Each structure stands twice: as C-alpha cells, then as structure tokens.
Amino acid sequence: MKKIRILGWSALLLIFVASFAVGFKVAAEHNLDDGYEIGDLADDFELKNVDGTMVSLSDYESAKGFLVIFTCNTCPYSQAYEDRVIALDAKYKPQGVPVIAINPNDPSVKSGDSFAKMIERADKKGFTFPYLLDEGQKVYPKYGATRTPHVFLLEKTPIGNVVRYIGAIDDNYQNASQVEKPFVENAVNAMLAGNEINPKTTKAIGCGIK
C-alpha cells in the first residue's frame, strides 16, 4: 500500500512538473513576464491592415502620439467599446493622436478573429482607423497586453515613442453614458497640454488574449 501511495504521489509530481514546464515554455516564447512600463520606449512594428496595406507607426510623420489599442472581433468587452474607440479616433486624430487598433488573438484558436472576419467587422462598424492583425502574435507580448481591449498611449518624442499611459479606456464598459472617469481622454488631454498624467496606469478590463 505504501509503495502504491509513493507511486501515486510521484505521478502527480511528474504531471505538475510537466505542466509547469509547458507553461514556462509558453511564457518564454511570448515574453509574458515582460512588457512595457511607463516611460519605456515602444518599438515600431509593421502589421497588415484590413485594407491590405502594411502599417507602421513611422508612417505617421506628423503624429504627436498614438493610441495603440489591442482589441478584437469576438470579445464582448471589445464590442462594447467599439463606438467609443471610433469616437476617440474622431476626437484625437485631428489633434495628432490617432488610434491604431491591433487584434492580438490567434485566429486558429478564435476563428471569429480571422483576418477575413476583421475585414467584415471593420466594414460593418465603419472603423476610421487601422485595424491590424498581430500575425504570429509577435507584437502584443512586447507591449505586455493581456486583455482586449488594452490601451497604450504613446507620445512621439525626438528619442522615440514613449509609453505614457497603460490600461482601460474608462471606468464603465457597460454604459458609456455612466462613465465617471474617462481614463484615456484624461491621459491624452494631459499629454497634449504637457501636464502630468494621473493615473498613468489602470487595470484593463476585458477578455484574455487567446
């Protein structure tokens, strides 16, 4: 009986070690423990837009900054924020801070987030901003995005694109009319005015990236 118990515990230990190893491998491949912090310089990227063109931050020569928003087709939180993201682009793109939306999900895991479905969604909603596919999931781990939606406000400076705000769009995903703290709007307004952003980070509320 004692020998059976030892064998049982050994089997459980092997399962735990194997599971940990797999999890560690995934984390290592996607650098899930990393990600930008406030004040970091964000790398540029080149991703495919729903119109078939390749888009990089460097394409926007006159930009003062960027609202890089990781979002997707299928997440209810992302869907709830779509009109607000369109409104953010309409308000801040003329002021030099356009929205750059990126779908970080793996379409082999979430078929509703395929490139073809992204084209359909962008057309249906009338997106006024680039909607890019993070093919191979190479960009979102660098940013440290974990949810959809997840916002990164970048300020374009002589030394590069500096991360100024990370987090949620506002404090009420369910009802735009009941928002009390428009985090992103406050952050962009402060950045453009040269004032301190407060808060610089908030908790992103949404679906986990697949």
Protein backbone atom coordinates (compact mmCIF):
# COMPACT_ATOMS: atom_id res chain seq x y z
CA MET A 1 0.00 0.00 0.00
CA LYS A 2 2.83 2.37 0.92
CA LYS A 3 4.53 1.64 -2.41
CA ILE A 4 1.30 2.43 -4.29
CA ARG A 5 0.95 5.74 -2.44
CA ILE A 6 4.53 6.70 -3.31
CA LEU A 7 3.92 5.85 -6.94
CA GLY A 8 0.74 7.93 -6.89
CA TRP A 9 2.46 10.98 -5.46
CA SER A 10 5.33 10.54 -7.93
CA ALA A 11 2.87 10.52 -10.82
CA LEU A 12 1.21 13.69 -9.56
CA LEU A 13 4.60 15.35 -9.16
CA LEU A 14 5.56 14.43 -12.73
CA ILE A 15 2.27 15.87 -14.04
CA PHE A 16 2.84 19.10 -12.09
CA VAL A 17 6.42 19.44 -13.36
CA ALA A 18 5.32 18.76 -16.94
CA SER A 19 2.51 21.31 -16.70
CA PHE A 20 4.87 23.91 -15.23
CA ALA A 21 7.39 23.27 -18.00
CA VAL A 22 4.77 23.75 -20.70
CA GLY A 23 3.55 26.94 -19.06
CA PHE A 24 7.09 28.23 -18.72
CA LYS A 25 7.77 27.47 -22.38
CA VAL A 26 4.69 29.41 -23.49
CA ALA A 27 5.63 32.33 -21.26
CA ALA A 28 9.17 32.30 -22.60
CA GLU A 29 8.03 32.17 -26.21
CA HIS A 30 5.71 35.15 -25.78
CA ASN A 31 7.68 37.02 -23.07
CA LEU A 32 4.55 37.16 -20.93
CA ASP A 33 6.56 38.27 -17.91
CA ASP A 34 7.83 41.28 -19.84
CA GLY A 35 6.05 44.26 -21.33
CA TYR A 36 6.35 47.99 -21.42
CA GLU A 37 6.17 50.18 -18.36
CA ILE A 38 5.52 53.90 -18.12
CA GLY A 39 8.47 55.80 -19.59
CA ASP A 40 9.68 52.94 -21.79
CA LEU A 41 10.34 53.39 -25.50
CA ALA A 42 7.95 51.32 -27.62
CA ASP A 43 9.35 49.55 -30.65
CA ASP A 44 7.79 50.18 -34.02
CA PHE A 45 6.04 47.38 -35.87
CA GLU A 46 4.78 46.58 -39.34
CA LEU A 47 1.42 44.79 -39.43
CA LYS A 48 -1.19 44.09 -42.08
CA ASN A 49 -4.23 46.36 -42.11
CA VAL A 50 -7.73 45.28 -43.15
CA ASP A 51 -7.29 47.28 -46.38
CA GLY A 52 -4.31 45.10 -47.33
CA THR A 53 -1.61 47.69 -46.65
CA MET A 54 1.21 47.34 -44.15
CA VAL A 55 1.12 49.87 -41.32
CA SER A 56 3.89 51.16 -39.05
CA LEU A 57 3.96 53.96 -36.50
CA SER A 58 6.72 55.56 -38.56
CA ASP A 59 4.18 56.11 -41.34
CA TYR A 60 2.64 58.91 -39.26
CA GLU A 61 5.27 61.59 -39.66
CA SER A 62 3.19 64.43 -38.21
CA ALA A 63 1.75 62.47 -35.27
CA LYS A 64 2.21 63.71 -31.73
CA GLY A 65 1.43 60.29 -30.31
CA PHE A 66 -0.63 57.15 -30.72
CA LEU A 67 -3.45 55.30 -29.03
CA VAL A 68 -2.38 51.72 -29.58
CA ILE A 69 -5.40 49.63 -28.62
CA PHE A 70 -5.33 45.84 -28.53
CA THR A 71 -8.85 44.69 -29.35
CA CYS A 72 -10.66 42.01 -31.34
CA ASN A 73 -13.90 40.99 -33.05
CA THR A 74 -15.22 38.44 -30.60
CA CYS A 75 -14.77 39.78 -27.07
CA PRO A 76 -17.97 41.34 -25.64
CA TYR A 77 -15.86 43.98 -23.88
CA SER A 78 -14.20 44.95 -27.15
CA GLN A 79 -17.57 45.09 -28.87
CA ALA A 80 -18.95 47.30 -26.09
CA TYR A 81 -16.09 49.76 -26.61
CA GLU A 82 -16.06 49.90 -30.42
CA ASP A 83 -18.14 53.07 -30.72
CA ARG A 84 -16.05 54.74 -28.03
CA VAL A 85 -12.84 53.81 -29.84
CA ILE A 86 -14.26 55.32 -33.04
CA ALA A 87 -15.12 58.46 -31.03
CA LEU A 88 -11.59 58.61 -29.60
CA ASP A 89 -10.14 58.47 -33.09
CA ALA A 90 -12.51 61.16 -34.33
CA LYS A 91 -11.57 63.43 -31.42
CA TYR A 92 -7.82 62.94 -31.23
CA LYS A 93 -6.67 62.06 -34.74
CA PRO A 94 -7.14 65.73 -35.83
CA GLN A 95 -5.02 66.66 -32.79
CA GLY A 96 -2.22 64.34 -33.87
CA VAL A 97 -3.02 61.24 -31.77
CA PRO A 98 -4.66 58.59 -33.98
CA VAL A 99 -5.98 55.22 -32.88
CA ILE A 100 -4.02 52.19 -34.05
CA ALA A 101 -6.08 49.06 -33.31
CA ILE A 102 -4.39 45.65 -33.19
CA ASN A 103 -6.05 42.24 -32.99
CA PRO A 104 -3.68 40.06 -30.92
CA ASN A 105 -5.74 36.84 -30.98
CA ASP A 106 -4.61 33.70 -32.78
CA PRO A 107 -7.25 33.00 -35.46
CA SER A 108 -6.52 29.28 -35.26
CA VAL A 109 -7.82 29.45 -31.69
CA LYS A 110 -10.56 32.06 -32.25
CA SER A 111 -11.88 31.64 -35.78
CA GLY A 112 -14.05 34.72 -35.34
CA ASP A 113 -10.86 36.76 -35.18
CA SER A 114 -9.57 35.71 -38.59
CA PHE A 115 -8.31 38.36 -40.98
CA ALA A 116 -11.40 37.88 -43.17
CA LYS A 117 -13.67 38.44 -40.16
CA MET A 118 -11.65 41.51 -39.20
CA ILE A 119 -12.35 42.98 -42.63
CA GLU A 120 -16.06 42.30 -42.17
CA ARG A 121 -16.10 43.84 -38.69
CA ALA A 122 -14.22 46.95 -39.74
CA ASP A 123 -16.60 47.46 -42.66
CA LYS A 124 -19.73 46.83 -40.57
CA LYS A 125 -18.69 49.25 -37.82
CA GLY A 126 -17.13 51.83 -40.12
CA PHE A 127 -13.73 51.86 -38.47
CA THR A 128 -11.90 55.10 -39.22
CA PHE A 129 -8.55 53.76 -38.01
CA PRO A 130 -6.18 50.95 -38.98
CA TYR A 131 -7.24 47.54 -37.73
CA LEU A 132 -4.15 45.35 -37.78
CA LEU A 133 -3.59 41.63 -37.32
CA ASP A 134 -0.75 40.67 -34.97
CA GLU A 135 0.19 37.73 -37.17
CA GLY A 136 2.32 35.27 -35.24
CA GLN A 137 1.48 37.16 -32.03
CA LYS A 138 4.81 38.98 -32.03
CA VAL A 139 3.71 42.48 -31.00
CA TYR A 140 1.33 42.13 -28.08
CA PRO A 141 3.86 40.33 -25.82
CA LYS A 142 6.32 43.21 -26.29
CA TYR A 143 3.68 45.62 -25.07
CA GLY A 144 2.61 43.34 -22.26
CA ALA A 145 -1.02 43.44 -23.34
CA THR A 146 -3.15 40.88 -21.53
CA ARG A 147 -6.74 41.87 -22.33
CA THR A 148 -8.96 43.07 -25.13
CA PRO A 149 -9.28 45.97 -25.02
CA HIS A 150 -5.95 47.13 -23.58
CA VAL A 151 -4.72 50.67 -24.27
CA PHE A 152 -1.18 52.01 -24.59
CA LEU A 153 -0.82 55.77 -25.06
CA LEU A 154 2.46 56.64 -26.73
CA GLU A 155 3.97 60.10 -27.02
CA LYS A 156 6.13 60.73 -30.07
CA THR A 157 9.38 62.37 -28.97
CA PRO A 158 12.81 63.01 -30.54
CA ILE A 159 14.11 59.82 -28.90
CA GLY A 160 11.15 57.61 -29.84
CA ASN A 161 7.62 56.67 -28.83
CA VAL A 162 7.40 56.92 -25.05
CA VAL A 163 4.75 54.99 -23.14
CA ARG A 164 2.67 57.48 -21.14
CA TYR A 165 -0.45 55.53 -20.14
CA ILE A 166 -1.40 51.85 -19.90
CA GLY A 167 -4.79 50.38 -19.07
CA ALA A 168 -8.52 50.76 -19.53
CA ILE A 169 -10.44 53.17 -21.73
CA ASP A 170 -12.73 54.28 -18.91
CA ASP A 171 -14.43 53.03 -15.75
CA ASN A 172 -17.69 51.68 -17.20
CA TYR A 173 -17.61 49.26 -20.13
CA GLN A 174 -21.35 48.53 -19.79
CA ASN A 175 -22.70 52.03 -20.27
CA ALA A 176 -20.87 54.91 -21.93
CA SER A 177 -23.37 57.43 -20.54
CA GLN A 178 -22.44 56.45 -16.97
CA VAL A 179 -18.67 56.83 -17.32
CA GLU A 180 -17.26 58.87 -14.45
CA LYS A 181 -13.56 58.50 -15.21
CA PRO A 182 -12.59 58.69 -18.91
CA PHE A 183 -9.05 57.49 -18.31
CA VAL A 184 -7.83 57.64 -21.90
CA GLU A 185 -9.33 61.04 -22.67
CA ASN A 186 -7.84 62.48 -19.49
CA ALA A 187 -4.45 60.96 -20.34
CA VAL A 188 -4.38 62.28 -23.92
CA ASN A 189 -5.56 65.74 -22.83
CA ALA A 190 -2.86 65.90 -20.18
CA MET A 191 -0.17 64.71 -22.60
CA LEU A 192 -1.11 67.26 -25.25
CA ALA A 193 -1.16 70.02 -22.64
CA GLY A 194 2.23 68.98 -21.29
CA ASN A 195 0.76 68.11 -17.90
CA GLU A 196 1.29 65.14 -15.63
CA ILE A 197 -0.94 62.17 -16.44
CA ASN A 198 -2.87 60.86 -13.44
CA PRO A 199 -3.40 57.96 -13.24
CA LYS A 200 -0.69 56.63 -15.52
CA THR A 201 -1.91 53.05 -15.23
CA THR A 202 -5.27 51.39 -14.64
CA LYS A 203 -6.46 47.80 -14.74
CA ALA A 204 -7.52 46.70 -18.21
CA ILE A 205 -10.94 45.01 -18.08
CA GLY A 206 -11.73 42.59 -20.89
CA CYS A 207 -11.19 39.13 -22.35
CA GLY A 208 -7.89 37.34 -22.05
CA ILE A 209 -5.84 37.25 -25.24
CA LYS A 210 -6.16 33.88 -26.96
